[in-house]
Amino acid sequence: MSDATSLMLIVSIAVGLPMIAVTLTEITKRQIAFKERKLELMADRTAEKAAQYAAHVERLEQRMRVLERIATDKGVDLAAQIETLRDEPVLANLPNEELN
């Protein structure tokens, strides 16, 4: 090998290797950023679903409390209360302002 060819090979390696390293680093950074964004979106969706489930569970718990109260109340009293509610006119439940 001649001196010029050796020098050209050394320069190619000295310039080429850092360029390859920088390119690989940028590719890796982009992949990591993509995965982070994907995880953020998944966490947002998971939090939203958890909130929906919590609200649903709260509604079910409220309904369960009502059912427990109905089951433990005396049947006669409950029937009388229901009949009283049926007998009341709808206008009696409205505030005075809405009647005028």
C-alpha atoms as a PDB file:
ATOM      1  CA  MET A   1       0.000   0.000   0.000  1.00  0.00           C
ATOM      2  CA  SER A   2       1.179   3.444  -0.767  1.00  0.00           C
ATOM      3  CA  ASP A   3       1.348   6.266   1.723  1.00  0.00           C
ATOM      4  CA  ALA A   4      -1.537   8.091  -0.005  1.00  0.00           C
ATOM      5  CA  THR A   5      -3.791   5.055   0.187  1.00  0.00           C
ATOM      6  CA  SER A   6      -2.956   4.519   3.870  1.00  0.00           C
ATOM      7  CA  LEU A   7      -3.599   8.171   4.624  1.00  0.00           C
ATOM      8  CA  MET A   8      -6.924   8.023   2.760  1.00  0.00           C
ATOM      9  CA  LEU A   9      -7.954   4.916   4.731  1.00  0.00           C
ATOM     10  CA  ILE A  10      -7.058   6.545   8.064  1.00  0.00           C
ATOM     11  CA  VAL A  11      -8.963   9.742   7.187  1.00  0.00           C
ATOM     12  CA  SER A  12     -11.985   7.699   6.039  1.00  0.00           C
ATOM     13  CA  ILE A  13     -12.010   5.794   9.318  1.00  0.00           C
ATOM     14  CA  ALA A  14     -11.428   8.947  11.395  1.00  0.00           C
ATOM     15  CA  VAL A  15     -14.310  10.773   9.690  1.00  0.00           C
ATOM     16  CA  GLY A  16     -16.604   7.797   8.984  1.00  0.00           C
ATOM     17  CA  LEU A  17     -16.726   6.258  12.448  1.00  0.00           C
ATOM     18  CA  PRO A  18     -17.868   9.446  14.236  1.00  0.00           C
ATOM     19  CA  MET A  19     -20.474  10.041  11.517  1.00  0.00           C
ATOM     20  CA  ILE A  20     -21.796   6.508  11.962  1.00  0.00           C
ATOM     21  CA  ALA A  21     -21.790   6.940  15.754  1.00  0.00           C
ATOM     22  CA  VAL A  22     -23.709  10.235  15.516  1.00  0.00           C
ATOM     23  CA  THR A  23     -26.228   8.705  13.111  1.00  0.00           C
ATOM     24  CA  LEU A  24     -26.802   5.686  15.358  1.00  0.00           C
ATOM     25  CA  THR A  25     -27.151   7.977  18.389  1.00  0.00           C
ATOM     26  CA  GLU A  26     -29.827  10.057  16.637  1.00  0.00           C
ATOM     27  CA  ILE A  27     -31.716   6.947  15.581  1.00  0.00           C
ATOM     28  CA  THR A  28     -31.620   5.661  19.160  1.00  0.00           C
ATOM     29  CA  LYS A  29     -32.797   9.033  20.544  1.00  0.00           C
ATOM     30  CA  ARG A  30     -35.760   9.048  18.155  1.00  0.00           C
ATOM     31  CA  GLN A  31     -36.697   5.486  19.074  1.00  0.00           C
ATOM     32  CA  ILE A  32     -36.579   6.331  22.779  1.00  0.00           C
ATOM     33  CA  ALA A  33     -38.668   9.491  22.256  1.00  0.00           C
ATOM     34  CA  PHE A  34     -41.216   7.464  20.271  1.00  0.00           C
ATOM     35  CA  LYS A  35     -41.483   4.841  23.020  1.00  0.00           C
ATOM     36  CA  GLU A  36     -41.823   7.550  25.699  1.00  0.00           C
ATOM     37  CA  ARG A  37     -44.633   9.242  23.777  1.00  0.00           C
ATOM     38  CA  LYS A  38     -46.356   5.906  23.271  1.00  0.00           C
ATOM     39  CA  LEU A  39     -46.169   5.211  27.021  1.00  0.00           C
ATOM     40  CA  GLU A  40     -47.517   8.704  27.839  1.00  0.00           C
ATOM     41  CA  LEU A  41     -50.523   8.166  25.585  1.00  0.00           C
ATOM     42  CA  MET A  42     -51.144   4.742  27.068  1.00  0.00           C
ATOM     43  CA  ALA A  43     -50.930   6.200  30.609  1.00  0.00           C
ATOM     44  CA  ASP A  44     -53.444   8.917  29.684  1.00  0.00           C
ATOM     45  CA  ARG A  45     -55.862   6.341  28.305  1.00  0.00           C
ATOM     46  CA  THR A  46     -55.394   4.151  31.360  1.00  0.00           C
ATOM     47  CA  ALA A  47     -56.057   7.077  33.707  1.00  0.00           C
ATOM     48  CA  GLU A  48     -59.189   7.994  31.768  1.00  0.00           C
ATOM     49  CA  LYS A  49     -60.484   4.427  31.905  1.00  0.00           C
ATOM     50  CA  ALA A  50     -59.719   4.247  35.627  1.00  0.00           C
ATOM     51  CA  ALA A  51     -61.741   7.421  36.205  1.00  0.00           C
ATOM     52  CA  GLN A  52     -64.642   6.015  34.193  1.00  0.00           C
ATOM     53  CA  TYR A  53     -64.537   2.764  36.153  1.00  0.00           C
ATOM     54  CA  ALA A  54     -64.392   4.670  39.444  1.00  0.00           C
ATOM     55  CA  ALA A  55     -67.457   6.711  38.481  1.00  0.00           C
ATOM     56  CA  HIS A  56     -69.272   3.558  37.423  1.00  0.00           C
ATOM     57  CA  VAL A  57     -68.393   1.827  40.690  1.00  0.00           C
ATOM     58  CA  GLU A  58     -69.604   4.870  42.646  1.00  0.00           C
ATOM     59  CA  ARG A  59     -72.959   4.763  40.846  1.00  0.00           C
ATOM     60  CA  LEU A  60     -73.261   1.039  41.539  1.00  0.00           C
ATOM     61  CA  GLU A  61     -72.421   1.574  45.207  1.00  0.00           C
ATOM     62  CA  GLN A  62     -75.116   4.256  45.474  1.00  0.00           C
ATOM     63  CA  ARG A  63     -77.653   1.943  43.904  1.00  0.00           C
ATOM     64  CA  MET A  64     -76.570  -0.860  46.234  1.00  0.00           C
ATOM     65  CA  ARG A  65     -77.072   1.422  49.270  1.00  0.00           C
ATOM     66  CA  VAL A  66     -80.592   2.228  48.071  1.00  0.00           C
ATOM     67  CA  LEU A  67     -81.351  -1.449  47.538  1.00  0.00           C
ATOM     68  CA  GLU A  68     -79.983  -2.322  50.982  1.00  0.00           C
ATOM     69  CA  ARG A  69     -82.120   0.397  52.535  1.00  0.00           C
ATOM     70  CA  ILE A  70     -85.183  -0.868  50.695  1.00  0.00           C
ATOM     71  CA  ALA A  71     -84.462  -4.450  51.739  1.00  0.00           C
ATOM     72  CA  THR A  72     -84.001  -3.528  55.401  1.00  0.00           C
ATOM     73  CA  ASP A  73     -86.916  -1.057  55.677  1.00  0.00           C
ATOM     74  CA  LYS A  74     -90.283  -2.326  56.740  1.00  0.00           C
ATOM     75  CA  GLY A  75     -92.242  -3.215  53.649  1.00  0.00           C
ATOM     76  CA  VAL A  76     -95.407  -1.515  54.851  1.00  0.00           C
ATOM     77  CA  ASP A  77     -93.650   1.782  55.529  1.00  0.00           C
ATOM     78  CA  LEU A  78     -91.967   1.678  52.143  1.00  0.00           C
ATOM     79  CA  ALA A  79     -95.215   0.957  50.329  1.00  0.00           C
ATOM     80  CA  ALA A  80     -96.891   3.827  52.173  1.00  0.00           C
ATOM     81  CA  GLN A  81     -94.064   6.197  51.257  1.00  0.00           C
ATOM     82  CA  ILE A  82     -94.273   5.206  47.597  1.00  0.00           C
ATOM     83  CA  GLU A  83     -98.038   5.703  47.582  1.00  0.00           C
ATOM     84  CA  THR A  84     -97.627   9.097  49.262  1.00  0.00           C
ATOM     85  CA  LEU A  85     -95.195  10.140  46.546  1.00  0.00           C
ATOM     86  CA  ARG A  86     -97.621   8.980  43.871  1.00  0.00           C
ATOM     87  CA  ASP A  87    -100.490  10.923  45.432  1.00  0.00           C
ATOM     88  CA  GLU A  88     -98.588  14.238  45.650  1.00  0.00           C
ATOM     89  CA  PRO A  89     -99.230  16.566  42.727  1.00  0.00           C
ATOM     90  CA  VAL A  90     -96.183  17.399  40.648  1.00  0.00           C
ATOM     91  CA  LEU A  91     -96.677  21.148  41.138  1.00  0.00           C
ATOM     92  CA  ALA A  92     -96.361  20.792  44.903  1.00  0.00           C
ATOM     93  CA  ASN A  93     -92.690  19.827  44.469  1.00  0.00           C
ATOM     94  CA  LEU A  94     -91.804  22.904  42.405  1.00  0.00           C
ATOM     95  CA  PRO A  95     -90.425  26.063  44.056  1.00  0.00           C
ATOM     96  CA  ASN A  96     -92.825  29.043  44.232  1.00  0.00           C
ATOM     97  CA  GLU A  97     -90.870  30.946  41.581  1.00  0.00           C
ATOM     98  CA  GLU A  98     -91.536  28.314  38.929  1.00  0.00           C
ATOM     99  CA  LEU A  99     -95.269  28.363  39.594  1.00  0.00           C
ATOM    100  CA  ASN A 100     -95.637  32.026  38.599  1.00  0.00           C
END
